[in-house]
């Protein structure tokens, strides 16, 4: 029989704690404008989410960084060494539509040859 996840919420209905049923409990805290500030699972990890002065997330839980322009449009995303995530830059036009996206792709090519070099038949 599985234990049910038990949740606690604050007056605004935001989840503040969850018992995961395996003995672990996560707690969450929020900024004044309802943006999540951190998620903490004691003895496992704490995830913190920083924001810039305009309320845009600047780093996610994997350490990937984001930069934003003056109109809160995403300008770049940096994978910060996470292998499956690529760096990207974005361009927007004057009315906020995304018009370009550039993704950094690194290629590695390995060539293996079983031919004998320098031998005569």
C-alpha atoms as a PDB file:
ATOM      1  CA  UNK A   1       0.000   0.000   0.000  1.00  0.00           C
ATOM      2  CA  UNK A   2       1.416   3.402  -0.975  1.00  0.00           C
ATOM      3  CA  UNK A   3       1.398   6.346   1.358  1.00  0.00           C
ATOM      4  CA  UNK A   4      -0.350   9.398  -0.047  1.00  0.00           C
ATOM      5  CA  UNK A   5       1.533  12.616  -0.613  1.00  0.00           C
ATOM      6  CA  UNK A   6       0.452  15.125   2.014  1.00  0.00           C
ATOM      7  CA  UNK A   7       0.545  18.807   1.125  1.00  0.00           C
ATOM      8  CA  UNK A   8       0.415  22.020   3.116  1.00  0.00           C
ATOM      9  CA  UNK A   9      -0.605  25.329   1.573  1.00  0.00           C
ATOM     10  CA  UNK A  10      -0.516  28.948   2.646  1.00  0.00           C
ATOM     11  CA  UNK A  11      -3.439  31.406   2.700  1.00  0.00           C
ATOM     12  CA  UNK A  12      -2.928  32.085  -1.019  1.00  0.00           C
ATOM     13  CA  UNK A  13      -3.242  28.386  -1.919  1.00  0.00           C
ATOM     14  CA  UNK A  14       0.459  27.997  -2.757  1.00  0.00           C
ATOM     15  CA  UNK A  15       2.063  24.706  -1.793  1.00  0.00           C
ATOM     16  CA  UNK A  16       4.454  25.260   1.118  1.00  0.00           C
ATOM     17  CA  UNK A  17       5.284  21.663   2.063  1.00  0.00           C
ATOM     18  CA  UNK A  18       4.806  18.163   0.710  1.00  0.00           C
ATOM     19  CA  UNK A  19       5.445  14.838   2.439  1.00  0.00           C
ATOM     20  CA  UNK A  20       6.694  12.611  -0.342  1.00  0.00           C
ATOM     21  CA  UNK A  21       5.701   9.390   1.405  1.00  0.00           C
ATOM     22  CA  UNK A  22       9.252   8.054   1.451  1.00  0.00           C
ATOM     23  CA  UNK A  23      10.210   9.930   4.594  1.00  0.00           C
ATOM     24  CA  UNK A  24      11.283  13.072   2.742  1.00  0.00           C
ATOM     25  CA  UNK A  25       9.507  16.400   2.935  1.00  0.00           C
ATOM     26  CA  UNK A  26       9.988  19.315   0.569  1.00  0.00           C
ATOM     27  CA  UNK A  27       9.326  22.896   1.582  1.00  0.00           C
ATOM     28  CA  UNK A  28       8.791  25.842  -0.755  1.00  0.00           C
ATOM     29  CA  UNK A  29       9.042  29.578  -0.282  1.00  0.00           C
ATOM     30  CA  UNK A  30       7.760  32.340  -2.524  1.00  0.00           C
ATOM     31  CA  UNK A  31       8.524  35.960  -3.302  1.00  0.00           C
ATOM     32  CA  UNK A  32       5.838  38.628  -2.758  1.00  0.00           C
ATOM     33  CA  UNK A  33       4.687  38.408  -6.399  1.00  0.00           C
ATOM     34  CA  UNK A  34       4.101  34.606  -6.192  1.00  0.00           C
ATOM     35  CA  UNK A  35       7.351  33.636  -7.918  1.00  0.00           C
ATOM     36  CA  UNK A  36       8.917  30.571  -6.373  1.00  0.00           C
ATOM     37  CA  UNK A  37      12.050  31.459  -4.425  1.00  0.00           C
ATOM     38  CA  UNK A  38      13.336  28.047  -3.415  1.00  0.00           C
ATOM     39  CA  UNK A  39      12.493  24.390  -2.947  1.00  0.00           C
ATOM     40  CA  UNK A  40      14.226  22.576  -0.124  1.00  0.00           C
ATOM     41  CA  UNK A  41      14.408  18.845   0.506  1.00  0.00           C
ATOM     42  CA  UNK A  42      16.433  18.458   3.674  1.00  0.00           C
ATOM     43  CA  UNK A  43      19.434  16.139   3.362  1.00  0.00           C
ATOM     44  CA  UNK A  44      18.953  15.981  -0.425  1.00  0.00           C
ATOM     45  CA  UNK A  45      19.173  19.412  -2.047  1.00  0.00           C
ATOM     46  CA  UNK A  46      18.021  23.005  -1.991  1.00  0.00           C
ATOM     47  CA  UNK A  47      17.020  24.688  -5.246  1.00  0.00           C
ATOM     48  CA  UNK A  48      17.176  28.495  -5.372  1.00  0.00           C
ATOM     49  CA  UNK A  49      15.730  30.648  -8.154  1.00  0.00           C
ATOM     50  CA  UNK A  50      17.199  34.162  -8.493  1.00  0.00           C
ATOM     51  CA  UNK A  51      15.376  36.916 -10.410  1.00  0.00           C
ATOM     52  CA  UNK A  52      16.446  40.294 -11.783  1.00  0.00           C
ATOM     53  CA  UNK A  53      14.846  43.573 -10.681  1.00  0.00           C
ATOM     54  CA  UNK A  54      12.128  43.207 -13.344  1.00  0.00           C
ATOM     55  CA  UNK A  55      11.096  39.758 -12.111  1.00  0.00           C
ATOM     56  CA  UNK A  56      12.785  37.627 -14.788  1.00  0.00           C
ATOM     57  CA  UNK A  57      14.449  34.394 -13.649  1.00  0.00           C
ATOM     58  CA  UNK A  58      18.211  34.696 -14.163  1.00  0.00           C
ATOM     59  CA  UNK A  59      19.350  31.167 -13.231  1.00  0.00           C
ATOM     60  CA  UNK A  60      17.372  27.925 -13.155  1.00  0.00           C
ATOM     61  CA  UNK A  61      17.802  24.929 -10.857  1.00  0.00           C
ATOM     62  CA  UNK A  62      20.459  23.388 -13.139  1.00  0.00           C
ATOM     63  CA  UNK A  63      22.631  26.517 -13.058  1.00  0.00           C
ATOM     64  CA  UNK A  64      21.664  27.573 -16.572  1.00  0.00           C
ATOM     65  CA  UNK A  65      21.671  31.353 -16.983  1.00  0.00           C
ATOM     66  CA  UNK A  66      19.280  33.664 -18.792  1.00  0.00           C
ATOM     67  CA  UNK A  67      19.686  37.282 -19.869  1.00  0.00           C
ATOM     68  CA  UNK A  68      16.795  39.617 -20.686  1.00  0.00           C
ATOM     69  CA  UNK A  69      16.502  42.893 -22.585  1.00  0.00           C
ATOM     70  CA  UNK A  70      14.819  46.097 -21.361  1.00  0.00           C
ATOM     71  CA  UNK A  71      11.406  44.835 -22.592  1.00  0.00           C
ATOM     72  CA  UNK A  72      11.722  41.537 -20.660  1.00  0.00           C
ATOM     73  CA  UNK A  73      12.395  39.542 -23.821  1.00  0.00           C
ATOM     74  CA  UNK A  74      14.778  36.599 -23.479  1.00  0.00           C
ATOM     75  CA  UNK A  75      18.125  37.494 -25.100  1.00  0.00           C
ATOM     76  CA  UNK A  76      20.226  34.453 -24.274  1.00  0.00           C
ATOM     77  CA  UNK A  77      20.235  31.111 -22.507  1.00  0.00           C
ATOM     78  CA  UNK A  78      23.482  29.506 -21.328  1.00  0.00           C
ATOM     79  CA  UNK A  79      23.506  25.745 -20.764  1.00  0.00           C
ATOM     80  CA  UNK A  80      26.391  26.113 -18.281  1.00  0.00           C
ATOM     81  CA  UNK A  81      27.940  22.730 -18.918  1.00  0.00           C
ATOM     82  CA  UNK A  82      24.726  20.703 -18.872  1.00  0.00           C
ATOM     83  CA  UNK A  83      25.448  18.299 -21.768  1.00  0.00           C
ATOM     84  CA  UNK A  84      21.924  17.973 -23.132  1.00  0.00           C
ATOM     85  CA  UNK A  85      21.282  21.744 -23.070  1.00  0.00           C
ATOM     86  CA  UNK A  86      22.653  24.028 -25.757  1.00  0.00           C
ATOM     87  CA  UNK A  87      23.471  27.727 -25.502  1.00  0.00           C
ATOM     88  CA  UNK A  88      21.113  29.959 -27.440  1.00  0.00           C
ATOM     89  CA  UNK A  89      20.639  33.611 -28.354  1.00  0.00           C
ATOM     90  CA  UNK A  90      17.378  35.239 -29.406  1.00  0.00           C
ATOM     91  CA  UNK A  91      16.432  38.370 -31.333  1.00  0.00           C
ATOM     92  CA  UNK A  92      13.094  40.169 -31.263  1.00  0.00           C
ATOM     93  CA  UNK A  93      11.644  42.840 -33.526  1.00  0.00           C
ATOM     94  CA  UNK A  94      10.359  46.246 -32.401  1.00  0.00           C
ATOM     95  CA  UNK A  95       6.966  44.891 -31.374  1.00  0.00           C
ATOM     96  CA  UNK A  96       8.291  41.947 -29.358  1.00  0.00           C
ATOM     97  CA  UNK A  97       8.021  39.069 -31.817  1.00  0.00           C
ATOM     98  CA  UNK A  98      10.896  36.604 -31.819  1.00  0.00           C
ATOM     99  CA  UNK A  99      12.522  36.867 -35.238  1.00  0.00           C
ATOM    100  CA  UNK A 100      15.717  34.853 -34.775  1.00  0.00           C
ATOM    101  CA  UNK A 101      17.099  32.060 -32.639  1.00  0.00           C
ATOM    102  CA  UNK A 102      20.673  30.835 -32.759  1.00  0.00           C
ATOM    103  CA  UNK A 103      21.651  27.584 -31.039  1.00  0.00           C
ATOM    104  CA  UNK A 104      25.232  26.576 -30.383  1.00  0.00           C
ATOM    105  CA  UNK A 105      25.882  23.035 -31.557  1.00  0.00           C
ATOM    106  CA  UNK A 106      29.186  21.278 -31.005  1.00  0.00           C
ATOM    107  CA  UNK A 107      30.009  18.350 -33.237  1.00  0.00           C
ATOM    108  CA  UNK A 108      32.568  15.660 -32.503  1.00  0.00           C
ATOM    109  CA  UNK A 109      33.522  13.273 -35.271  1.00  0.00           C
ATOM    110  CA  UNK A 110      35.546  10.136 -34.710  1.00  0.00           C
ATOM    111  CA  UNK A 111      36.968   8.388 -37.719  1.00  0.00           C
ATOM    112  CA  UNK A 112      38.147   4.824 -37.334  1.00  0.00           C
ATOM    113  CA  UNK A 113      39.914   3.007 -40.101  1.00  0.00           C
ATOM    114  CA  UNK A 114      40.787  -0.642 -40.227  1.00  0.00           C
ATOM    115  CA  UNK A 115      42.716  -0.301 -43.508  1.00  0.00           C
ATOM    116  CA  UNK A 116      46.439  -1.041 -43.323  1.00  0.00           C
ATOM    117  CA  UNK A 117      48.461   1.977 -44.287  1.00  0.00           C
ATOM    118  CA  UNK A 118      51.799   1.661 -46.044  1.00  0.00           C
ATOM    119  CA  UNK A 119      51.672  -2.033 -46.856  1.00  0.00           C
ATOM    120  CA  UNK A 120      51.936  -3.556 -50.294  1.00  0.00           C
ATOM    121  CA  UNK A 121      49.803  -6.430 -51.451  1.00  0.00           C
END
